PDB file of N, CA and C in Angstrom:
ATOM      1  N   UNK A   1     143.043  84.295  59.972  1.00  0.00           N
ATOM      2  CA  UNK A   1     144.400  84.786  59.919  1.00  0.00           C
ATOM      3  C   UNK A   1     144.420  86.263  60.301  1.00  0.00           C
ATOM      4  N   UNK A   2     145.218  86.539  61.289  1.00  0.00           N
ATOM      5  CA  UNK A   2     145.318  87.886  61.798  1.00  0.00           C
ATOM      6  C   UNK A   2     146.731  88.396  61.536  1.00  0.00           C
ATOM      7  N   UNK A   3     146.894  89.446  60.700  1.00  0.00           N
ATOM      8  CA  UNK A   3     148.220  89.894  60.265  1.00  0.00           C
ATOM      9  C   UNK A   3     148.716  91.153  60.979  1.00  0.00           C
ATOM     10  N   UNK A   4     147.914  91.754  61.855  1.00  0.00           N
ATOM     11  CA  UNK A   4     148.367  92.951  62.546  1.00  0.00           C
ATOM     12  C   UNK A   4     149.346  92.578  63.653  1.00  0.00           C
ATOM     13  N   UNK A   5     150.421  93.347  63.815  1.00  0.00           N
ATOM     14  CA  UNK A   5     151.400  93.032  64.859  1.00  0.00           C
ATOM     15  C   UNK A   5     150.848  93.345  66.249  1.00  0.00           C
ATOM     16  N   UNK A   6     151.462  92.758  67.238  1.00  0.00           N
ATOM     17  CA  UNK A   6     151.047  92.991  68.615  1.00  0.00           C
ATOM     18  C   UNK A   6     151.668  94.297  69.110  1.00  0.00           C
ATOM     19  N   UNK A   7     150.826  95.264  69.436  1.00  0.00           N
ATOM     20  CA  UNK A   7     151.310  96.565  69.870  1.00  0.00           C
ATOM     21  C   UNK A   7     151.390  96.678  71.391  1.00  0.00           C
ATOM     22  N   UNK A   8     151.306  95.596  72.105  1.00  0.00           N
ATOM     23  CA  UNK A   8     151.313  95.625  73.577  1.00  0.00           C
ATOM     24  C   UNK A   8     152.610  96.185  74.138  1.00  0.00           C
ATOM     25  N   UNK A   9     153.735  95.732  73.638  1.00  0.00           N
ATOM     26  CA  UNK A   9     155.027  96.216  74.137  1.00  0.00           C
ATOM     27  C   UNK A   9     155.220  97.670  73.739  1.00  0.00           C
ATOM     28  N   UNK A  10     154.830  98.035  72.534  1.00  0.00           N
ATOM     29  CA  UNK A  10     154.937  99.425  72.079  1.00  0.00           C
ATOM     30  C   UNK A  10     154.084 100.339  72.943  1.00  0.00           C
ATOM     31  N   UNK A  11     152.868  99.917  73.255  1.00  0.00           N
ATOM     32  CA  UNK A  11     151.972 100.719  74.083  1.00  0.00           C
ATOM     33  C   UNK A  11     152.536 100.877  75.488  1.00  0.00           C
ATOM     34  N   UNK A  12     153.094  99.813  76.044  1.00  0.00           N
ATOM     35  CA  UNK A  12     153.685  99.879  77.374  1.00  0.00           C
ATOM     36  C   UNK A  12     154.882 100.845  77.383  1.00  0.00           C
ATOM     37  N   UNK A  13     155.683 100.827  76.331  1.00  0.00           N
ATOM     38  CA  UNK A  13     156.810 101.748  76.229  1.00  0.00           C
ATOM     39  C   UNK A  13     156.369 103.192  76.113  1.00  0.00           C
ATOM     40  N   UNK A  14     155.315 103.446  75.367  1.00  0.00           N
ATOM     41  CA  UNK A  14     154.805 104.807  75.233  1.00  0.00           C
ATOM     42  C   UNK A  14     154.263 105.323  76.562  1.00  0.00           C
ATOM     43  N   UNK A  15     153.585 104.459  77.325  1.00  0.00           N
ATOM     44  CA  UNK A  15     153.108 104.866  78.649  1.00  0.00           C
ATOM     45  C   UNK A  15     154.284 105.201  79.562  1.00  0.00           C
ATOM     46  N   UNK A  16     155.348 104.417  79.497  1.00  0.00           N
ATOM     47  CA  UNK A  16     156.518 104.675  80.340  1.00  0.00           C
ATOM     48  C   UNK A  16     157.171 106.005  79.986  1.00  0.00           C
ATOM     49  N   UNK A  17     157.323 106.266  78.691  1.00  0.00           N
ATOM     50  CA  UNK A  17     157.910 107.533  78.253  1.00  0.00           C
ATOM     51  C   UNK A  17     157.006 108.696  78.646  1.00  0.00           C
ATOM     52  N   UNK A  18     155.728 108.539  78.480  1.00  0.00           N
ATOM     53  CA  UNK A  18     154.775 109.592  78.839  1.00  0.00           C
ATOM     54  C   UNK A  18     154.800 109.898  80.328  1.00  0.00           C
ATOM     55  N   UNK A  19     154.795 108.861  81.167  1.00  0.00           N
ATOM     56  CA  UNK A  19     154.848 109.077  82.614  1.00  0.00           C
ATOM     57  C   UNK A  19     156.180 109.684  83.027  1.00  0.00           C
ATOM     58  N   UNK A  20     157.264 109.285  82.373  1.00  0.00           N
ATOM     59  CA  UNK A  20     158.565 109.884  82.665  1.00  0.00           C
ATOM     60  C   UNK A  20     158.601 111.362  82.307  1.00  0.00           C
ATOM     61  N   UNK A  21     157.997 111.713  81.189  1.00  0.00           N
ATOM     62  CA  UNK A  21     157.952 113.122  80.785  1.00  0.00           C
ATOM     63  C   UNK A  21     157.115 113.947  81.750  1.00  0.00           C
ATOM     64  N   UNK A  22     155.988 113.408  82.181  1.00  0.00           N
ATOM     65  CA  UNK A  22     155.144 114.118  83.148  1.00  0.00           C
ATOM     66  C   UNK A  22     155.887 114.276  84.474  1.00  0.00           C
ATOM     67  N   UNK A  23     156.580 113.243  84.918  1.00  0.00           N
ATOM     68  CA  UNK A  23     157.352 113.326  86.158  1.00  0.00           C
ATOM     69  C   UNK A  23     158.469 114.352  86.064  1.00  0.00           C
ATOM     70  N   UNK A  24     159.157 114.383  84.925  1.00  0.00           N
ATOM     71  CA  UNK A  24     160.228 115.372  84.741  1.00  0.00           C
ATOM     72  C   UNK A  24     159.667 116.782  84.718  1.00  0.00           C
ATOM     73  N   UNK A  25     158.515 116.968  84.105  1.00  0.00           N
ATOM     74  CA  UNK A  25     157.901 118.294  84.054  1.00  0.00           C
ATOM     75  C   UNK A  25     157.482 118.758  85.446  1.00  0.00           C
ATOM     76  N   UNK A  26     156.873 117.884  86.211  1.00  0.00           N
ATOM     77  CA  UNK A  26     156.449 118.247  87.573  1.00  0.00           C
ATOM     78  C   UNK A  26     157.669 118.559  88.440  1.00  0.00           C
ATOM     79  N   UNK A  27     158.713 117.751  88.347  1.00  0.00           N
ATOM     80  CA  UNK A  27     159.939 117.997  89.107  1.00  0.00           C
ATOM     81  C   UNK A  27     160.563 119.321  88.713  1.00  0.00           C
ATOM     82  N   UNK A  28     160.606 119.621  87.431  1.00  0.00           N
ATOM     83  CA  UNK A  28     161.167 120.887  86.968  1.00  0.00           C
ATOM     84  C   UNK A  28     160.383 122.082  87.479  1.00  0.00           C
ATOM     85  N   UNK A  29     159.074 121.984  87.482  1.00  0.00           N
ATOM     86  CA  UNK A  29     158.239 123.078  87.975  1.00  0.00           C
ATOM     87  C   UNK A  29     158.464 123.294  89.472  1.00  0.00           C
ATOM     88  N   UNK A  30     158.561 122.209  90.230  1.00  0.00           N
ATOM     89  CA  UNK A  30     158.793 122.331  91.674  1.00  0.00           C
ATOM     90  C   UNK A  30     160.155 122.948  91.951  1.00  0.00           C
ATOM     91  N   UNK A  31     161.196 122.481  91.264  1.00  0.00           N
ATOM     92  CA  UNK A  31     162.543 123.008  91.504  1.00  0.00           C
ATOM     93  C   UNK A  31     162.686 124.453  91.047  1.00  0.00           C
ATOM     94  N   UNK A  32     161.996 124.846  89.994  1.00  0.00           N
ATOM     95  CA  UNK A  32     162.120 126.210  89.481  1.00  0.00           C
ATOM     96  C   UNK A  32     161.360 127.222  90.332  1.00  0.00           C
ATOM     97  N   UNK A  33     160.324 126.796  91.015  1.00  0.00           N
ATOM     98  CA  UNK A  33     159.467 127.745  91.721  1.00  0.00           C
ATOM     99  C   UNK A  33     159.560 127.685  93.241  1.00  0.00           C
ATOM    100  N   UNK A  34     160.395 126.829  93.781  1.00  0.00           N
ATOM    101  CA  UNK A  34     160.555 126.757  95.232  1.00  0.00           C
ATOM    102  C   UNK A  34     162.031 126.770  95.577  1.00  0.00           C
ATOM    103  N   UNK A  35     162.337 126.964  96.855  1.00  0.00           N
ATOM    104  CA  UNK A  35     163.715 126.905  97.320  1.00  0.00           C
ATOM    105  C   UNK A  35     163.889 125.752  98.315  1.00  0.00           C
ATOM    106  N   UNK A  36     163.202 124.665  98.065  1.00  0.00           N
ATOM    107  CA  UNK A  36     163.241 123.529  98.981  1.00  0.00           C
ATOM    108  C   UNK A  36     164.635 122.939  99.132  1.00  0.00           C
ATOM    109  N   UNK A  37     165.416 122.891  98.072  1.00  0.00           N
ATOM    110  CA  UNK A  37     166.697 122.203  98.096  1.00  0.00           C
ATOM    111  C   UNK A  37     167.889 123.157  98.105  1.00  0.00           C
ATOM    112  N   UNK A  38     167.657 124.456  98.291  1.00  0.00           N
ATOM    113  CA  UNK A  38     168.737 125.433  98.348  1.00  0.00           C
ATOM    114  C   UNK A  38     169.187 125.623  99.788  1.00  0.00           C
ATOM    115  N   UNK A  39     170.476 125.905  99.961  1.00  0.00           N
ATOM    116  CA  UNK A  39     170.959 126.182 101.305  1.00  0.00           C
ATOM    117  C   UNK A  39     170.510 127.578 101.724  1.00  0.00           C
ATOM    118  N   UNK A  40     170.295 127.749 103.006  1.00  0.00           N
ATOM    119  CA  UNK A  40     169.828 129.027 103.527  1.00  0.00           C
ATOM    120  C   UNK A  40     171.010 129.993 103.636  1.00  0.00           C
ATOM    121  N   UNK A  41     170.832 131.261 103.261  1.00  0.00           N
ATOM    122  CA  UNK A  41     171.933 132.221 103.342  1.00  0.00           C
ATOM    123  C   UNK A  41     172.224 132.607 104.794  1.00  0.00           C
ATOM    124  N   UNK A  42     173.491 132.891 105.056  1.00  0.00           N
ATOM    125  CA  UNK A  42     173.878 133.357 106.381  1.00  0.00           C
ATOM    126  C   UNK A  42     173.871 134.876 106.388  1.00  0.00           C
ATOM    127  N   UNK A  43     173.509 135.455 107.518  1.00  0.00           N
ATOM    128  CA  UNK A  43     173.525 136.906 107.643  1.00  0.00           C
ATOM    129  C   UNK A  43     174.938 137.351 107.976  1.00  0.00           C
ATOM    130  N   UNK A  44     175.385 138.408 107.310  1.00  0.00           N
ATOM    131  CA  UNK A  44     176.728 138.924 107.531  1.00  0.00           C
ATOM    132  C   UNK A  44     176.769 139.702 108.845  1.00  0.00           C
ATOM    133  N   UNK A  45     177.807 139.445 109.651  1.00  0.00           N
ATOM    134  CA  UNK A  45     177.973 140.173 110.903  1.00  0.00           C
ATOM    135  C   UNK A  45     178.717 141.475 110.636  1.00  0.00           C
ATOM    136  N   UNK A  46     178.625 142.405 111.579  1.00  0.00           N
ATOM    137  CA  UNK A  46     179.298 143.685 111.443  1.00  0.00           C
ATOM    138  C   UNK A  46     180.817 143.499 111.408  1.00  0.00           C
ATOM    139  N   UNK A  47     181.330 142.577 112.193  1.00  0.00           N
ATOM    140  CA  UNK A  47     182.776 142.320 112.212  1.00  0.00           C
ATOM    141  C   UNK A  47     183.255 141.823 110.851  1.00  0.00           C
ATOM    142  N   UNK A  48     182.471 140.958 110.226  1.00  0.00           N
ATOM    143  CA  UNK A  48     182.838 140.449 108.906  1.00  0.00           C
ATOM    144  C   UNK A  48     182.832 141.573 107.872  1.00  0.00           C
ATOM    145  N   UNK A  49     181.801 142.427 107.925  1.00  0.00           N
ATOM    146  CA  UNK A  49     181.698 143.515 106.956  1.00  0.00           C
ATOM    147  C   UNK A  49     182.808 144.550 107.139  1.00  0.00           C
ATOM    148  N   UNK A  50     183.261 144.775 108.384  1.00  0.00           N
ATOM    149  CA  UNK A  50     184.325 145.746 108.629  1.00  0.00           C
ATOM    150  C   UNK A  50     185.639 145.336 107.986  1.00  0.00           C
ATOM    151  N   UNK A  51     185.889 144.036 107.858  1.00  0.00           N
ATOM    152  CA  UNK A  51     187.176 143.542 107.365  1.00  0.00           C
ATOM    153  C   UNK A  51     187.239 143.389 105.845  1.00  0.00           C
ATOM    154  N   UNK A  52     186.167 143.640 105.148  1.00  0.00           N
ATOM    155  CA  UNK A  52     186.157 143.487 103.692  1.00  0.00           C
ATOM    156  C   UNK A  52     186.978 144.603 103.058  1.00  0.00           C
ATOM    157  N   UNK A  53     187.821 144.229 102.104  1.00  0.00           N
ATOM    158  CA  UNK A  53     188.613 145.223 101.389  1.00  0.00           C
ATOM    159  C   UNK A  53     187.829 145.746 100.192  1.00  0.00           C
ATOM    160  N   UNK A  54     187.748 147.068 100.077  1.00  0.00           N
ATOM    161  CA  UNK A  54     187.041 147.717  98.978  1.00  0.00           C
ATOM    162  C   UNK A  54     188.037 148.422  98.076  1.00  0.00           C
ATOM    163  N   UNK A  55     187.705 148.520  96.804  1.00  0.00           N
ATOM    164  CA  UNK A  55     188.537 149.232  95.832  1.00  0.00           C
ATOM    165  C   UNK A  55     187.715 150.348  95.213  1.00  0.00           C
ATOM    166  N   UNK A  56     188.338 151.495  95.021  1.00  0.00           N
ATOM    167  CA  UNK A  56     187.640 152.612  94.398  1.00  0.00           C
ATOM    168  C   UNK A  56     187.642 152.445  92.886  1.00  0.00           C
ATOM    169  N   UNK A  57     186.685 153.082  92.249  1.00  0.00           N
ATOM    170  CA  UNK A  57     186.606 153.083  90.792  1.00  0.00           C
ATOM    171  C   UNK A  57     187.176 154.389  90.274  1.00  0.00           C
ATOM    172  N   UNK A  58     187.644 154.400  89.048  1.00  0.00           N
ATOM    173  CA  UNK A  58     188.144 155.633  88.455  1.00  0.00           C
ATOM    174  C   UNK A  58     189.644 155.572  88.220  1.00  0.00           C
ATOM    175  N   UNK A  59     190.218 156.741  87.952  1.00  0.00           N
ATOM    176  CA  UNK A  59     191.631 156.790  87.587  1.00  0.00           C
ATOM    177  C   UNK A  59     192.533 156.522  88.793  1.00  0.00           C
ATOM    178  N   UNK A  60     192.204 157.065  89.942  1.00  0.00           N
ATOM    179  CA  UNK A  60     193.020 156.842  91.135  1.00  0.00           C
ATOM    180  C   UNK A  60     192.429 155.673  91.919  1.00  0.00           C
ATOM    181  N   UNK A  61     193.105 154.545  91.881  1.00  0.00           N
ATOM    182  CA  UNK A  61     192.582 153.383  92.584  1.00  0.00           C
ATOM    183  C   UNK A  61     193.171 153.319  93.980  1.00  0.00           C
ATOM    184  N   UNK A  62     192.294 153.137  94.949  1.00  0.00           N
ATOM    185  CA  UNK A  62     192.697 153.065  96.345  1.00  0.00           C
ATOM    186  C   UNK A  62     191.989 151.876  96.976  1.00  0.00           C
ATOM    187  N   UNK A  63     192.678 151.161  97.848  1.00  0.00           N
ATOM    188  CA  UNK A  63     192.097 150.027  98.561  1.00  0.00           C
ATOM    189  C   UNK A  63     192.008 150.386 100.036  1.00  0.00           C
ATOM    190  N   UNK A  64     190.862 150.089 100.651  1.00  0.00           N
ATOM    191  CA  UNK A  64     190.668 150.382 102.072  1.00  0.00           C
ATOM    192  C   UNK A  64     189.682 149.385 102.656  1.00  0.00           C
ATOM    193  N   UNK A  65     189.655 149.319 103.978  1.00  0.00           N
ATOM    194  CA  UNK A  65     188.720 148.437 104.673  1.00  0.00           C
ATOM    195  C   UNK A  65     187.344 149.095 104.733  1.00  0.00           C
ATOM    196  N   UNK A  66     186.323 148.288 104.704  1.00  0.00           N
ATOM    197  CA  UNK A  66     184.956 148.812 104.701  1.00  0.00           C
ATOM    198  C   UNK A  66     184.621 149.515 106.008  1.00  0.00           C
ATOM    199  N   UNK A  67     185.277 149.154 107.096  1.00  0.00           N
ATOM    200  CA  UNK A  67     185.023 149.800 108.377  1.00  0.00           C
ATOM    201  C   UNK A  67     185.326 151.289 108.368  1.00  0.00           C
ATOM    202  N   UNK A  68     186.194 151.744 107.448  1.00  0.00           N
ATOM    203  CA  UNK A  68     186.506 153.165 107.340  1.00  0.00           C
ATOM    204  C   UNK A  68     185.296 153.984 106.873  1.00  0.00           C
ATOM    205  N   UNK A  69     184.355 153.358 106.200  1.00  0.00           N
ATOM    206  CA  UNK A  69     183.192 154.078 105.684  1.00  0.00           C
ATOM    207  C   UNK A  69     182.319 154.629 106.802  1.00  0.00           C
ATOM    208  N   UNK A  70     182.220 153.915 107.923  1.00  0.00           N
ATOM    209  CA  UNK A  70     181.317 154.362 108.972  1.00  0.00           C
ATOM    210  C   UNK A  70     182.034 154.700 110.279  1.00  0.00           C
ATOM    211  N   UNK A  71     183.343 155.028 110.208  1.00  0.00           N
ATOM    212  CA  UNK A  71     184.049 155.453 111.419  1.00  0.00           C
ATOM    213  C   UNK A  71     183.512 156.792 111.923  1.00  0.00           C
ATOM    214  N   UNK A  72     183.338 157.762 111.038  1.00  0.00           N
ATOM    215  CA  UNK A  72     182.901 159.100 111.444  1.00  0.00           C
ATOM    216  C   UNK A  72     181.401 159.296 111.241  1.00  0.00           C
ATOM    217  N   UNK A  73     180.852 158.762 110.173  1.00  0.00           N
ATOM    218  CA  UNK A  73     179.430 158.918 109.858  1.00  0.00           C
ATOM    219  C   UNK A  73     178.812 157.552 109.619  1.00  0.00           C
ATOM    220  N   UNK A  74     177.507 157.520 109.615  1.00  0.00           N
ATOM    221  CA  UNK A  74     176.815 156.276 109.320  1.00  0.00           C
ATOM    222  C   UNK A  74     176.909 155.937 107.839  1.00  0.00           C
ATOM    223  N   UNK A  75     176.650 154.705 107.505  1.00  0.00           N
ATOM    224  CA  UNK A  75     176.694 154.271 106.109  1.00  0.00           C
ATOM    225  C   UNK A  75     175.651 153.176 105.888  1.00  0.00           C
ATOM    226  N   UNK A  76     175.124 153.150 104.697  1.00  0.00           N
ATOM    227  CA  UNK A  76     174.217 152.080 104.305  1.00  0.00           C
ATOM    228  C   UNK A  76     175.032 151.100 103.477  1.00  0.00           C
ATOM    229  N   UNK A  77     174.980 149.830 103.841  1.00  0.00           N
ATOM    230  CA  UNK A  77     175.834 148.830 103.185  1.00  0.00           C
ATOM    231  C   UNK A  77     174.957 147.737 102.602  1.00  0.00           C
ATOM    232  N   UNK A  78     175.277 147.359 101.395  1.00  0.00           N
ATOM    233  CA  UNK A  78     174.627 146.217 100.759  1.00  0.00           C
ATOM    234  C   UNK A  78     175.735 145.272 100.306  1.00  0.00           C
ATOM    235  N   UNK A  79     175.738 144.070 100.828  1.00  0.00           N
ATOM    236  CA  UNK A  79     176.753 143.095 100.460  1.00  0.00           C
ATOM    237  C   UNK A  79     176.164 142.153  99.406  1.00  0.00           C
ATOM    238  N   UNK A  80     176.842 142.057  98.268  1.00  0.00           N
ATOM    239  CA  UNK A  80     176.396 141.196  97.184  1.00  0.00           C
ATOM    240  C   UNK A  80     177.507 140.229  96.859  1.00  0.00           C
ATOM    241  N   UNK A  81     177.198 138.955  96.811  1.00  0.00           N
ATOM    242  CA  UNK A  81     178.196 137.954  96.478  1.00  0.00           C
ATOM    243  C   UNK A  81     177.976 137.508  95.048  1.00  0.00           C
ATOM    244  N   UNK A  82     179.031 137.603  94.255  1.00  0.00           N
ATOM    245  CA  UNK A  82     178.944 137.137  92.877  1.00  0.00           C
ATOM    246  C   UNK A  82     179.049 135.620  92.860  1.00  0.00           C
ATOM    247  N   UNK A  83     178.355 134.968  91.960  1.00  0.00           N
ATOM    248  CA  UNK A  83     178.487 133.519  91.868  1.00  0.00           C
ATOM    249  C   UNK A  83     179.868 133.133  91.357  1.00  0.00           C
ATOM    250  N   UNK A  84     180.376 132.035  91.871  1.00  0.00           N
ATOM    251  CA  UNK A  84     181.655 131.537  91.369  1.00  0.00           C
ATOM    252  C   UNK A  84     182.789 131.719  92.251  1.00  0.00           C
TER     253      UNK A  84
END
């Protein structure tokens, strides 16, 4: 008389959960450390940058086009896009 239950189905389920966890971990590591699935950024053209409206900071707020910055002198420009 053998009274121990059959652990075959339990063992198979544990292997499935274990392999799923390992697969999820490997996928997470690949997605976190590579840019394989991200879209490539486009480079901003000078015409696009000239038409951007800028606002001044401080008490007197003024709005102007970015092209005004380099009409008379050169300017260094960094374009940053906020998410959302």
